[in-house]
Amino acid sequence: MSSLVAAASSSSGSGNLLIFALPVLLIGWMFYTQRRRTKESQRLQSTLGVGDEVTTTSGLLGRITALEGEIATLEVSPGVTIRFNRRAIAGPAPTAPVSPIDSPSSESETDAASDPARETD
């Protein structure tokens, strides 16, 4: 009987340790990820330059036309400029993927493959 009590008390001791360790690990992980995001944001801010195409945190796409301290001026359309705080720039603008339908070389290959009468020997 005493061996059962000893086994129960040792397993509850490790359970108590686990209850205290999990929140500490979670908080440590949160600090680590926040620090990583901050460093990445600082790196992005230091690499910004006039002429870069960027996207803002609100999803607006534009080209940087001027950088004045904490203010970045973006041209969102020819002749239309908007001033943003530099911290509102989320990163580079996404590039549009080229679909096989849009490329001229794949268009002729697709037509030839679908029309057996156009095959040449």
PDB file of N, CA and C in Angstrom:
ATOM      1  N   MET A   1       0.822  -1.189   0.000  1.00  0.00           N
ATOM      2  CA  MET A   1       0.000   0.000   0.000  1.00  0.00           C
ATOM      3  C   MET A   1       0.868   1.255   0.000  1.00  0.00           C
ATOM      4  N   SER A   2       1.924   1.244   0.752  1.00  0.00           N
ATOM      5  CA  SER A   2       2.798   2.419   0.806  1.00  0.00           C
ATOM      6  C   SER A   2       3.485   2.666  -0.528  1.00  0.00           C
ATOM      7  N   SER A   3       3.702   1.604  -1.301  1.00  0.00           N
ATOM      8  CA  SER A   3       4.316   1.788  -2.619  1.00  0.00           C
ATOM      9  C   SER A   3       3.356   2.508  -3.565  1.00  0.00           C
ATOM     10  N   LEU A   4       2.046   2.286  -3.430  1.00  0.00           N
ATOM     11  CA  LEU A   4       1.062   2.980  -4.255  1.00  0.00           C
ATOM     12  C   LEU A   4       1.020   4.473  -3.917  1.00  0.00           C
ATOM     13  N   VAL A   5       1.121   4.781  -2.622  1.00  0.00           N
ATOM     14  CA  VAL A   5       1.120   6.176  -2.197  1.00  0.00           C
ATOM     15  C   VAL A   5       2.376   6.871  -2.701  1.00  0.00           C
ATOM     16  N   ALA A   6       3.521   6.185  -2.632  1.00  0.00           N
ATOM     17  CA  ALA A   6       4.772   6.764  -3.106  1.00  0.00           C
ATOM     18  C   ALA A   6       4.722   6.995  -4.613  1.00  0.00           C
ATOM     19  N   ALA A   7       4.143   6.064  -5.376  1.00  0.00           N
ATOM     20  CA  ALA A   7       4.036   6.220  -6.831  1.00  0.00           C
ATOM     21  C   ALA A   7       3.091   7.370  -7.182  1.00  0.00           C
ATOM     22  N   ALA A   8       2.007   7.486  -6.438  1.00  0.00           N
ATOM     23  CA  ALA A   8       1.050   8.563  -6.703  1.00  0.00           C
ATOM     24  C   ALA A   8       1.659   9.929  -6.380  1.00  0.00           C
ATOM     25  N   SER A   9       2.422  10.016  -5.299  1.00  0.00           N
ATOM     26  CA  SER A   9       3.004  11.304  -4.939  1.00  0.00           C
ATOM     27  C   SER A   9       4.118  11.707  -5.901  1.00  0.00           C
ATOM     28  N   SER A  10       4.881  10.760  -6.439  1.00  0.00           N
ATOM     29  CA  SER A  10       5.948  11.117  -7.373  1.00  0.00           C
ATOM     30  C   SER A  10       5.371  11.551  -8.728  1.00  0.00           C
ATOM     31  N   SER A  11       4.275  10.935  -9.163  1.00  0.00           N
ATOM     32  CA  SER A  11       3.685  11.340 -10.440  1.00  0.00           C
ATOM     33  C   SER A  11       2.992  12.696 -10.319  1.00  0.00           C
ATOM     34  N   SER A  12       2.406  12.993  -9.164  1.00  0.00           N
ATOM     35  CA  SER A  12       1.781  14.304  -9.007  1.00  0.00           C
ATOM     36  C   SER A  12       2.838  15.399  -8.894  1.00  0.00           C
ATOM     37  N   GLY A  13       4.021  15.067  -8.426  1.00  0.00           N
ATOM     38  CA  GLY A  13       5.111  16.038  -8.366  1.00  0.00           C
ATOM     39  C   GLY A  13       5.557  16.447  -9.758  1.00  0.00           C
ATOM     40  N   SER A  14       5.654  15.486 -10.665  1.00  0.00           N
ATOM     41  CA  SER A  14       6.030  15.831 -12.042  1.00  0.00           C
ATOM     42  C   SER A  14       4.881  16.559 -12.739  1.00  0.00           C
ATOM     43  N   GLY A  15       3.646  16.256 -12.348  1.00  0.00           N
ATOM     44  CA  GLY A  15       2.498  16.972 -12.908  1.00  0.00           C
ATOM     45  C   GLY A  15       2.506  18.431 -12.486  1.00  0.00           C
ATOM     46  N   ASN A  16       2.853  18.693 -11.226  1.00  0.00           N
ATOM     47  CA  ASN A  16       2.951  20.072 -10.749  1.00  0.00           C
ATOM     48  C   ASN A  16       4.061  20.828 -11.477  1.00  0.00           C
ATOM     49  N   LEU A  17       5.174  20.142 -11.716  1.00  0.00           N
ATOM     50  CA  LEU A  17       6.269  20.769 -12.442  1.00  0.00           C
ATOM     51  C   LEU A  17       5.834  21.126 -13.867  1.00  0.00           C
ATOM     52  N   LEU A  18       5.080  20.248 -14.490  1.00  0.00           N
ATOM     53  CA  LEU A  18       4.597  20.479 -15.844  1.00  0.00           C
ATOM     54  C   LEU A  18       3.629  21.663 -15.889  1.00  0.00           C
ATOM     55  N   ILE A  19       2.804  21.793 -14.874  1.00  0.00           N
ATOM     56  CA  ILE A  19       1.845  22.909 -14.808  1.00  0.00           C
ATOM     57  C   ILE A  19       2.581  24.247 -14.730  1.00  0.00           C
ATOM     58  N   PHE A  20       3.703  24.298 -14.050  1.00  0.00           N
ATOM     59  CA  PHE A  20       4.467  25.538 -13.937  1.00  0.00           C
ATOM     60  C   PHE A  20       5.392  25.752 -15.144  1.00  0.00           C
ATOM     61  N   ALA A  21       5.895  24.677 -15.753  1.00  0.00           N
ATOM     62  CA  ALA A  21       6.847  24.794 -16.855  1.00  0.00           C
ATOM     63  C   ALA A  21       6.170  25.240 -18.150  1.00  0.00           C
ATOM     64  N   LEU A  22       4.971  24.766 -18.424  1.00  0.00           N
ATOM     65  CA  LEU A  22       4.303  25.117 -19.681  1.00  0.00           C
ATOM     66  C   LEU A  22       4.050  26.614 -19.833  1.00  0.00           C
ATOM     67  N   PRO A  23       3.522  27.311 -18.836  1.00  0.00           N
ATOM     68  CA  PRO A  23       3.352  28.762 -19.005  1.00  0.00           C
ATOM     69  C   PRO A  23       4.680  29.498 -19.172  1.00  0.00           C
ATOM     70  N   VAL A  24       5.721  29.059 -18.471  1.00  0.00           N
ATOM     71  CA  VAL A  24       7.031  29.697 -18.603  1.00  0.00           C
ATOM     72  C   VAL A  24       7.563  29.499 -20.021  1.00  0.00           C
ATOM     73  N   LEU A  25       7.429  28.291 -20.572  1.00  0.00           N
ATOM     74  CA  LEU A  25       7.863  28.030 -21.945  1.00  0.00           C
ATOM     75  C   LEU A  25       7.049  28.839 -22.946  1.00  0.00           C
ATOM     76  N   LEU A  26       5.759  28.963 -22.726  1.00  0.00           N
ATOM     77  CA  LEU A  26       4.900  29.737 -23.623  1.00  0.00           C
ATOM     78  C   LEU A  26       5.293  31.213 -23.628  1.00  0.00           C
ATOM     79  N   ILE A  27       5.541  31.771 -22.471  1.00  0.00           N
ATOM     80  CA  ILE A  27       5.943  33.174 -22.376  1.00  0.00           C
ATOM     81  C   ILE A  27       7.312  33.383 -23.024  1.00  0.00           C
ATOM     82  N   GLY A  28       8.236  32.463 -22.811  1.00  0.00           N
ATOM     83  CA  GLY A  28       9.547  32.550 -23.450  1.00  0.00           C
ATOM     84  C   GLY A  28       9.436  32.488 -24.965  1.00  0.00           C
ATOM     85  N   TRP A  29       8.586  31.618 -25.482  1.00  0.00           N
ATOM     86  CA  TRP A  29       8.384  31.505 -26.929  1.00  0.00           C
ATOM     87  C   TRP A  29       7.778  32.789 -27.484  1.00  0.00           C
ATOM     88  N   MET A  30       6.841  33.409 -26.744  1.00  0.00           N
ATOM     89  CA  MET A  30       6.233  34.659 -27.193  1.00  0.00           C
ATOM     90  C   MET A  30       7.267  35.777 -27.273  1.00  0.00           C
ATOM     91  N   PHE A  31       8.154  35.875 -26.280  1.00  0.00           N
ATOM     92  CA  PHE A  31       9.215  36.887 -26.311  1.00  0.00           C
ATOM     93  C   PHE A  31      10.148  36.653 -27.487  1.00  0.00           C
ATOM     94  N   TYR A  32      10.507  35.391 -27.746  1.00  0.00           N
ATOM     95  CA  TYR A  32      11.406  35.059 -28.848  1.00  0.00           C
ATOM     96  C   TYR A  32      10.801  35.455 -30.191  1.00  0.00           C
ATOM     97  N   THR A  33       9.548  35.123 -30.437  1.00  0.00           N
ATOM     98  CA  THR A  33       8.927  35.444 -31.729  1.00  0.00           C
ATOM     99  C   THR A  33       8.742  36.951 -31.894  1.00  0.00           C
ATOM    100  N   GLN A  34       8.427  37.663 -30.817  1.00  0.00           N
ATOM    101  CA  GLN A  34       8.279  39.117 -30.911  1.00  0.00           C
ATOM    102  C   GLN A  34       9.616  39.778 -31.233  1.00  0.00           C
ATOM    103  N   ARG A  35      10.674  39.308 -30.617  1.00  0.00           N
ATOM    104  CA  ARG A  35      12.001  39.861 -30.884  1.00  0.00           C
ATOM    105  C   ARG A  35      12.403  39.597 -32.338  1.00  0.00           C
ATOM    106  N   ARG A  36      12.084  38.414 -32.848  1.00  0.00           N
ATOM    107  CA  ARG A  36      12.405  38.080 -34.234  1.00  0.00           C
ATOM    108  C   ARG A  36      11.628  38.989 -35.197  1.00  0.00           C
ATOM    109  N   ARG A  37      10.335  39.226 -34.916  1.00  0.00           N
ATOM    110  CA  ARG A  37       9.537  40.117 -35.765  1.00  0.00           C
ATOM    111  C   ARG A  37      10.066  41.545 -35.732  1.00  0.00           C
ATOM    112  N   THR A  38      10.492  41.999 -34.561  1.00  0.00           N
ATOM    113  CA  THR A  38      11.032  43.351 -34.424  1.00  0.00           C
ATOM    114  C   THR A  38      12.319  43.505 -35.232  1.00  0.00           C
ATOM    115  N   LYS A  39      13.208  42.520 -35.159  1.00  0.00           N
ATOM    116  CA  LYS A  39      14.457  42.589 -35.921  1.00  0.00           C
ATOM    117  C   LYS A  39      14.180  42.568 -37.413  1.00  0.00           C
ATOM    118  N   GLU A  40      13.229  41.756 -37.851  1.00  0.00           N
ATOM    119  CA  GLU A  40      12.882  41.695 -39.267  1.00  0.00           C
ATOM    120  C   GLU A  40      12.302  43.028 -39.744  1.00  0.00           C
ATOM    121  N   SER A  41      11.466  43.644 -38.916  1.00  0.00           N
ATOM    122  CA  SER A  41      10.888  44.940 -39.263  1.00  0.00           C
ATOM    123  C   SER A  41      11.973  46.010 -39.353  1.00  0.00           C
ATOM    124  N   GLN A  42      12.916  46.018 -38.428  1.00  0.00           N
ATOM    125  CA  GLN A  42      14.009  46.986 -38.454  1.00  0.00           C
ATOM    126  C   GLN A  42      14.887  46.779 -39.681  1.00  0.00           C
ATOM    127  N   ARG A  43      15.118  45.527 -40.056  1.00  0.00           N
ATOM    128  CA  ARG A  43      15.917  45.238 -41.241  1.00  0.00           C
ATOM    129  C   ARG A  43      15.208  45.762 -42.491  1.00  0.00           C
ATOM    130  N   LEU A  44      13.896  45.563 -42.571  1.00  0.00           N
ATOM    131  CA  LEU A  44      13.123  46.050 -43.712  1.00  0.00           C
ATOM    132  C   LEU A  44      13.184  47.570 -43.782  1.00  0.00           C
ATOM    133  N   GLN A  45      13.004  48.246 -42.657  1.00  0.00           N
ATOM    134  CA  GLN A  45      13.015  49.707 -42.642  1.00  0.00           C
ATOM    135  C   GLN A  45      14.370  50.259 -43.090  1.00  0.00           C
ATOM    136  N   SER A  46      15.441  49.570 -42.760  1.00  0.00           N
ATOM    137  CA  SER A  46      16.765  50.066 -43.137  1.00  0.00           C
ATOM    138  C   SER A  46      17.064  49.836 -44.613  1.00  0.00           C
ATOM    139  N   THR A  47      16.367  48.908 -45.265  1.00  0.00           N
ATOM    140  CA  THR A  47      16.629  48.629 -46.673  1.00  0.00           C
ATOM    141  C   THR A  47      15.696  49.371 -47.625  1.00  0.00           C
ATOM    142  N   LEU A  48      14.745  50.142 -47.101  1.00  0.00           N
ATOM    143  CA  LEU A  48      13.823  50.867 -47.976  1.00  0.00           C
ATOM    144  C   LEU A  48      14.560  51.940 -48.756  1.00  0.00           C
ATOM    145  N   GLY A  49      14.182  52.086 -50.018  1.00  0.00           N
ATOM    146  CA  GLY A  49      14.796  53.115 -50.837  1.00  0.00           C
ATOM    147  C   GLY A  49      13.798  53.675 -51.833  1.00  0.00           C
ATOM    148  N   VAL A  50      14.120  54.827 -52.370  1.00  0.00           N
ATOM    149  CA  VAL A  50      13.263  55.459 -53.370  1.00  0.00           C
ATOM    150  C   VAL A  50      13.232  54.566 -54.609  1.00  0.00           C
ATOM    151  N   GLY A  51      12.030  54.344 -55.118  1.00  0.00           N
ATOM    152  CA  GLY A  51      11.851  53.495 -56.291  1.00  0.00           C
ATOM    153  C   GLY A  51      11.408  52.083 -55.960  1.00  0.00           C
ATOM    154  N   ASP A  52      11.448  51.685 -54.685  1.00  0.00           N
ATOM    155  CA  ASP A  52      11.016  50.348 -54.294  1.00  0.00           C
ATOM    156  C   ASP A  52       9.502  50.238 -54.367  1.00  0.00           C
ATOM    157  N   GLU A  53       9.010  49.116 -54.873  1.00  0.00           N
ATOM    158  CA  GLU A  53       7.580  48.851 -54.845  1.00  0.00           C
ATOM    159  C   GLU A  53       7.279  48.108 -53.553  1.00  0.00           C
ATOM    160  N   VAL A  54       6.321  48.653 -52.774  1.00  0.00           N
ATOM    161  CA  VAL A  54       6.036  48.106 -51.456  1.00  0.00           C
ATOM    162  C   VAL A  54       4.533  47.937 -51.260  1.00  0.00           C
ATOM    163  N   THR A  55       4.195  47.193 -50.219  1.00  0.00           N
ATOM    164  CA  THR A  55       2.811  47.085 -49.782  1.00  0.00           C
ATOM    165  C   THR A  55       2.741  47.578 -48.345  1.00  0.00           C
ATOM    166  N   THR A  56       1.641  48.233 -48.004  1.00  0.00           N
ATOM    167  CA  THR A  56       1.484  48.753 -46.648  1.00  0.00           C
ATOM    168  C   THR A  56       0.763  47.725 -45.792  1.00  0.00           C
ATOM    169  N   THR A  57       0.691  47.993 -44.512  1.00  0.00           N
ATOM    170  CA  THR A  57       0.006  47.081 -43.603  1.00  0.00           C
ATOM    171  C   THR A  57      -1.485  47.011 -43.898  1.00  0.00           C
ATOM    172  N   SER A  58      -2.028  48.029 -44.571  1.00  0.00           N
ATOM    173  CA  SER A  58      -3.445  48.007 -44.937  1.00  0.00           C
ATOM    174  C   SER A  58      -3.680  47.367 -46.294  1.00  0.00           C
ATOM    175  N   GLY A  59      -2.595  46.977 -46.989  1.00  0.00           N
ATOM    176  CA  GLY A  59      -2.731  46.287 -48.257  1.00  0.00           C
ATOM    177  C   GLY A  59      -2.604  47.169 -49.481  1.00  0.00           C
ATOM    178  N   LEU A  60      -2.270  48.440 -49.310  1.00  0.00           N
ATOM    179  CA  LEU A  60      -2.119  49.353 -50.432  1.00  0.00           C
ATOM    180  C   LEU A  60      -0.760  49.131 -51.087  1.00  0.00           C
ATOM    181  N   LEU A  61      -0.737  49.066 -52.416  1.00  0.00           N
ATOM    182  CA  LEU A  61       0.497  48.869 -53.156  1.00  0.00           C
ATOM    183  C   LEU A  61       0.936  50.189 -53.771  1.00  0.00           C
ATOM    184  N   GLY A  62       2.238  50.449 -53.770  1.00  0.00           N
ATOM    185  CA  GLY A  62       2.742  51.676 -54.362  1.00  0.00           C
ATOM    186  C   GLY A  62       4.244  51.662 -54.491  1.00  0.00           C
ATOM    187  N   ARG A  63       4.775  52.714 -55.111  1.00  0.00           N
ATOM    188  CA  ARG A  63       6.217  52.880 -55.303  1.00  0.00           C
ATOM    189  C   ARG A  63       6.667  54.055 -54.445  1.00  0.00           C
ATOM    190  N   ILE A  64       7.760  53.876 -53.724  1.00  0.00           N
ATOM    191  CA  ILE A  64       8.291  54.940 -52.875  1.00  0.00           C
ATOM    192  C   ILE A  64       8.888  56.028 -53.758  1.00  0.00           C
ATOM    193  N   THR A  65       8.396  57.257 -53.576  1.00  0.00           N
ATOM    194  CA  THR A  65       8.928  58.390 -54.345  1.00  0.00           C
ATOM    195  C   THR A  65       9.786  59.305 -53.479  1.00  0.00           C
ATOM    196  N   ALA A  66       9.594  59.279 -52.154  1.00  0.00           N
ATOM    197  CA  ALA A  66      10.406  60.119 -51.266  1.00  0.00           C
ATOM    198  C   ALA A  66      10.418  59.508 -49.869  1.00  0.00           C
ATOM    199  N   LEU A  67      11.557  59.633 -49.200  1.00  0.00           N
ATOM    200  CA  LEU A  67      11.707  59.225 -47.803  1.00  0.00           C
ATOM    201  C   LEU A  67      12.232  60.416 -47.029  1.00  0.00           C
ATOM    202  N   GLU A  68      11.450  60.870 -46.045  1.00  0.00           N
ATOM    203  CA  GLU A  68      11.828  62.024 -45.233  1.00  0.00           C
ATOM    204  C   GLU A  68      11.686  61.662 -43.766  1.00  0.00           C
ATOM    205  N   GLY A  69      12.746  61.147 -43.172  1.00  0.00           N
ATOM    206  CA  GLY A  69      12.689  60.745 -41.771  1.00  0.00           C
ATOM    207  C   GLY A  69      11.733  59.589 -41.568  1.00  0.00           C
ATOM    208  N   GLU A  70      10.658  59.832 -40.845  1.00  0.00           N
ATOM    209  CA  GLU A  70       9.667  58.790 -40.565  1.00  0.00           C
ATOM    210  C   GLU A  70       8.538  58.739 -41.585  1.00  0.00           C
ATOM    211  N   ILE A  71       8.567  59.624 -42.584  1.00  0.00           N
ATOM    212  CA  ILE A  71       7.493  59.708 -43.576  1.00  0.00           C
ATOM    213  C   ILE A  71       7.973  59.147 -44.911  1.00  0.00           C
ATOM    214  N   ALA A  72       7.165  58.270 -45.497  1.00  0.00           N
ATOM    215  CA  ALA A  72       7.431  57.739 -46.837  1.00  0.00           C
ATOM    216  C   ALA A  72       6.294  58.186 -47.743  1.00  0.00           C
ATOM    217  N   THR A  73       6.640  58.714 -48.898  1.00  0.00           N
ATOM    218  CA  THR A  73       5.638  59.125 -49.873  1.00  0.00           C
ATOM    219  C   THR A  73       5.540  58.041 -50.929  1.00  0.00           C
ATOM    220  N   LEU A  74       4.330  57.510 -51.108  1.00  0.00           N
ATOM    221  CA  LEU A  74       4.101  56.441 -52.075  1.00  0.00           C
ATOM    222  C   LEU A  74       3.293  56.961 -53.243  1.00  0.00           C
ATOM    223  N   GLU A  75       3.677  56.561 -54.437  1.00  0.00           N
ATOM    224  CA  GLU A  75       2.889  56.861 -55.626  1.00  0.00           C
ATOM    225  C   GLU A  75       2.059  55.617 -55.916  1.00  0.00           C
ATOM    226  N   VAL A  76       0.738  55.749 -55.795  1.00  0.00           N
ATOM    227  CA  VAL A  76      -0.152  54.602 -55.961  1.00  0.00           C
ATOM    228  C   VAL A  76      -0.760  54.539 -57.355  1.00  0.00           C
ATOM    229  N   SER A  77      -0.689  55.632 -58.073  1.00  0.00           N
ATOM    230  CA  SER A  77      -1.176  55.733 -59.439  1.00  0.00           C
ATOM    231  C   SER A  77      -0.409  56.896 -60.059  1.00  0.00           C
ATOM    232  N   PRO A  78      -0.276  56.953 -61.380  1.00  0.00           N
ATOM    233  CA  PRO A  78       0.471  58.071 -61.955  1.00  0.00           C
ATOM    234  C   PRO A  78      -0.086  59.418 -61.501  1.00  0.00           C
ATOM    235  N   GLY A  79       0.752  60.176 -60.822  1.00  0.00           N
ATOM    236  CA  GLY A  79       0.366  61.499 -60.337  1.00  0.00           C
ATOM    237  C   GLY A  79      -0.341  61.511 -58.990  1.00  0.00           C
ATOM    238  N   VAL A  80      -0.615  60.362 -58.395  1.00  0.00           N
ATOM    239  CA  VAL A  80      -1.311  60.298 -57.106  1.00  0.00           C
ATOM    240  C   VAL A  80      -0.328  59.805 -56.052  1.00  0.00           C
ATOM    241  N   THR A  81      -0.018  60.674 -55.076  1.00  0.00           N
ATOM    242  CA  THR A  81       0.913  60.300 -54.015  1.00  0.00           C
ATOM    243  C   THR A  81       0.208  60.351 -52.669  1.00  0.00           C
ATOM    244  N   ILE A  82       0.653  59.466 -51.795  1.00  0.00           N
ATOM    245  CA  ILE A  82       0.097  59.370 -50.440  1.00  0.00           C
ATOM    246  C   ILE A  82       1.268  59.297 -49.479  1.00  0.00           C
ATOM    247  N   ARG A  83       1.137  60.000 -48.357  1.00  0.00           N
ATOM    248  CA  ARG A  83       2.180  59.973 -47.331  1.00  0.00           C
ATOM    249  C   ARG A  83       1.811  58.967 -46.251  1.00  0.00           C
ATOM    250  N   PHE A  84       2.786  58.134 -45.875  1.00  0.00           N
ATOM    251  CA  PHE A  84       2.602  57.112 -44.849  1.00  0.00           C
ATOM    252  C   PHE A  84       3.734  57.201 -43.842  1.00  0.00           C
ATOM    253  N   ASN A  85       3.455  56.770 -42.638  1.00  0.00           N
ATOM    254  CA  ASN A  85       4.509  56.558 -41.666  1.00  0.00           C
ATOM    255  C   ASN A  85       5.306  55.351 -42.147  1.00  0.00           C
ATOM    256  N   ARG A  86       6.620  55.388 -42.016  1.00  0.00           N
ATOM    257  CA  ARG A  86       7.461  54.282 -42.495  1.00  0.00           C
ATOM    258  C   ARG A  86       7.075  52.957 -41.869  1.00  0.00           C
ATOM    259  N   ARG A  87       6.615  52.989 -40.630  1.00  0.00           N
ATOM    260  CA  ARG A  87       6.251  51.745 -39.948  1.00  0.00           C
ATOM    261  C   ARG A  87       5.030  51.085 -40.561  1.00  0.00           C
ATOM    262  N   ALA A  88       4.288  51.819 -41.397  1.00  0.00           N
ATOM    263  CA  ALA A  88       3.105  51.247 -42.045  1.00  0.00           C
ATOM    264  C   ALA A  88       3.469  50.445 -43.285  1.00  0.00           C
ATOM    265  N   ILE A  89       4.737  50.438 -43.663  1.00  0.00           N
ATOM    266  CA  ILE A  89       5.163  49.649 -44.822  1.00  0.00           C
ATOM    267  C   ILE A  89       5.442  48.236 -44.336  1.00  0.00           C
ATOM    268  N   ALA A  90       4.690  47.273 -44.892  1.00  0.00           N
ATOM    269  CA  ALA A  90       4.781  45.887 -44.433  1.00  0.00           C
ATOM    270  C   ALA A  90       5.892  45.121 -45.127  1.00  0.00           C
ATOM    271  N   GLY A  91       6.189  45.466 -46.373  1.00  0.00           N
ATOM    272  CA  GLY A  91       7.219  44.731 -47.096  1.00  0.00           C
ATOM    273  C   GLY A  91       7.164  45.020 -48.574  1.00  0.00           C
ATOM    274  N   PRO A  92       7.953  44.262 -49.331  1.00  0.00           N
ATOM    275  CA  PRO A  92       7.950  44.478 -50.776  1.00  0.00           C
ATOM    276  C   PRO A  92       6.625  44.061 -51.392  1.00  0.00           C
ATOM    277  N   ALA A  93       6.299  44.681 -52.517  1.00  0.00           N
ATOM    278  CA  ALA A  93       5.053  44.358 -53.207  1.00  0.00           C
ATOM    279  C   ALA A  93       5.152  42.950 -53.778  1.00  0.00           C
ATOM    280  N   PRO A  94       4.067  42.197 -53.714  1.00  0.00           N
ATOM    281  CA  PRO A  94       4.106  40.848 -54.287  1.00  0.00           C
ATOM    282  C   PRO A  94       4.198  40.929 -55.808  1.00  0.00           C
ATOM    283  N   THR A  95       4.911  39.993 -56.372  1.00  0.00           N
ATOM    284  CA  THR A  95       5.018  39.953 -57.827  1.00  0.00           C
ATOM    285  C   THR A  95       3.928  39.037 -58.361  1.00  0.00           C
ATOM    286  N   ALA A  96       3.340  39.420 -59.463  1.00  0.00           N
ATOM    287  CA  ALA A  96       2.267  38.620 -60.061  1.00  0.00           C
ATOM    288  C   ALA A  96       2.873  37.429 -60.787  1.00  0.00           C
ATOM    289  N   PRO A  97       2.389  36.234 -60.510  1.00  0.00           N
ATOM    290  CA  PRO A  97       2.925  35.070 -61.207  1.00  0.00           C
ATOM    291  C   PRO A  97       2.482  35.070 -62.673  1.00  0.00           C
ATOM    292  N   VAL A  98       3.353  34.620 -63.539  1.00  0.00           N
ATOM    293  CA  VAL A  98       3.024  34.551 -64.959  1.00  0.00           C
ATOM    294  C   VAL A  98       2.334  33.221 -65.205  1.00  0.00           C
ATOM    295  N   SER A  99       1.112  33.295 -65.698  1.00  0.00           N
ATOM    296  CA  SER A  99       0.381  32.064 -65.979  1.00  0.00           C
ATOM    297  C   SER A  99       0.777  31.543 -67.344  1.00  0.00           C
ATOM    298  N   PRO A 100       0.676  30.249 -67.585  1.00  0.00           N
ATOM    299  CA  PRO A 100       1.062  29.692 -68.871  1.00  0.00           C
ATOM    300  C   PRO A 100       0.225  30.248 -70.024  1.00  0.00           C
ATOM    301  N   ILE A 101      -0.965  30.708 -69.759  1.00  0.00           N
ATOM    302  CA  ILE A 101      -1.839  31.243 -70.798  1.00  0.00           C
ATOM    303  C   ILE A 101      -1.321  32.583 -71.293  1.00  0.00           C
ATOM    304  N   ASP A 102      -0.692  33.367 -70.390  1.00  0.00           N
ATOM    305  CA  ASP A 102      -0.235  34.707 -70.754  1.00  0.00           C
ATOM    306  C   ASP A 102       1.045  34.714 -71.577  1.00  0.00           C
ATOM    307  N   SER A 103       1.886  33.694 -71.430  1.00  0.00           N
ATOM    308  CA  SER A 103       3.168  33.727 -72.132  1.00  0.00           C
ATOM    309  C   SER A 103       2.987  33.347 -73.595  1.00  0.00           C
ATOM    310  N   PRO A 104       3.604  34.089 -74.526  1.00  0.00           N
ATOM    311  CA  PRO A 104       3.399  33.845 -75.952  1.00  0.00           C
ATOM    312  C   PRO A 104       3.968  32.505 -76.409  1.00  0.00           C
ATOM    313  N   SER A 105       5.075  32.031 -75.821  1.00  0.00           N
ATOM    314  CA  SER A 105       5.671  30.775 -76.273  1.00  0.00           C
ATOM    315  C   SER A 105       4.785  29.583 -75.925  1.00  0.00           C
ATOM    316  N   SER A 106       4.144  29.621 -74.771  1.00  0.00           N
ATOM    317  CA  SER A 106       3.293  28.498 -74.395  1.00  0.00           C
ATOM    318  C   SER A 106       1.988  28.507 -75.167  1.00  0.00           C
ATOM    319  N   GLU A 107       1.595  29.667 -75.688  1.00  0.00           N
ATOM    320  CA  GLU A 107       0.355  29.746 -76.453  1.00  0.00           C
ATOM    321  C   GLU A 107       0.463  28.955 -77.746  1.00  0.00           C
ATOM    322  N   SER A 108       1.584  29.080 -78.441  1.00  0.00           N
ATOM    323  CA  SER A 108       1.747  28.347 -79.686  1.00  0.00           C
ATOM    324  C   SER A 108       1.901  26.862 -79.421  1.00  0.00           C
ATOM    325  N   GLU A 109       2.563  26.493 -78.306  1.00  0.00           N
ATOM    326  CA  GLU A 109       2.706  25.083 -77.963  1.00  0.00           C
ATOM    327  C   GLU A 109       1.360  24.477 -77.621  1.00  0.00           C
ATOM    328  N   THR A 110       0.507  25.212 -76.918  1.00  0.00           N
ATOM    329  CA  THR A 110      -0.810  24.725 -76.542  1.00  0.00           C
ATOM    330  C   THR A 110      -1.680  24.526 -77.774  1.00  0.00           C
ATOM    331  N   ASP A 111      -1.636  25.485 -78.711  1.00  0.00           N
ATOM    332  CA  ASP A 111      -2.435  25.363 -79.923  1.00  0.00           C
ATOM    333  C   ASP A 111      -1.992  24.173 -80.756  1.00  0.00           C
ATOM    334  N   ALA A 112      -0.681  23.959 -80.873  1.00  0.00           N
ATOM    335  CA  ALA A 112      -0.168  22.853 -81.665  1.00  0.00           C
ATOM    336  C   ALA A 112      -0.521  21.519 -81.037  1.00  0.00           C
ATOM    337  N   ALA A 113      -0.512  21.466 -79.709  1.00  0.00           N
ATOM    338  CA  ALA A 113      -0.826  20.217 -79.029  1.00  0.00           C
ATOM    339  C   ALA A 113      -2.304  19.884 -79.140  1.00  0.00           C
ATOM    340  N   SER A 114      -3.171  20.881 -79.189  1.00  0.00           N
ATOM    341  CA  SER A 114      -4.597  20.608 -79.241  1.00  0.00           C
ATOM    342  C   SER A 114      -5.109  20.388 -80.659  1.00  0.00           C
ATOM    343  N   ASP A 115      -4.342  20.775 -81.670  1.00  0.00           N
ATOM    344  CA  ASP A 115      -4.778  20.633 -83.065  1.00  0.00           C
ATOM    345  C   ASP A 115      -3.821  19.675 -83.785  1.00  0.00           C
ATOM    346  N   PRO A 116      -4.219  18.397 -83.938  1.00  0.00           N
ATOM    347  CA  PRO A 116      -3.307  17.428 -84.567  1.00  0.00           C
ATOM    348  C   PRO A 116      -3.057  17.728 -86.042  1.00  0.00           C
ATOM    349  N   ALA A 117      -3.911  18.500 -86.705  1.00  0.00           N
ATOM    350  CA  ALA A 117      -3.723  18.827 -88.108  1.00  0.00           C
ATOM    351  C   ALA A 117      -2.558  19.778 -88.302  1.00  0.00           C
ATOM    352  N   ARG A 118      -2.154  20.520 -87.267  1.00  0.00           N
ATOM    353  CA  ARG A 118      -1.072  21.495 -87.371  1.00  0.00           C
ATOM    354  C   ARG A 118       0.298  20.866 -87.150  1.00  0.00           C
ATOM    355  N   GLU A 119       0.359  19.580 -86.851  1.00  0.00           N
ATOM    356  CA  GLU A 119       1.637  18.936 -86.591  1.00  0.00           C
ATOM    357  C   GLU A 119       2.498  18.927 -87.843  1.00  0.00           C
ATOM    358  N   THR A 120       3.767  19.152 -87.671  1.00  0.00           N
ATOM    359  CA  THR A 120       4.700  19.144 -88.786  1.00  0.00           C
ATOM    360  C   THR A 120       5.691  18.033 -88.587  1.00  0.00           C
ATOM    361  N   ASP A 121       6.187  17.469 -89.704  1.00  0.00           N
ATOM    362  CA  ASP A 121       7.185  16.383 -89.631  1.00  0.00           C
ATOM    363  C   ASP A 121       8.566  16.888 -89.864  1.00  0.00           C
TER     364      ASP A 121
END
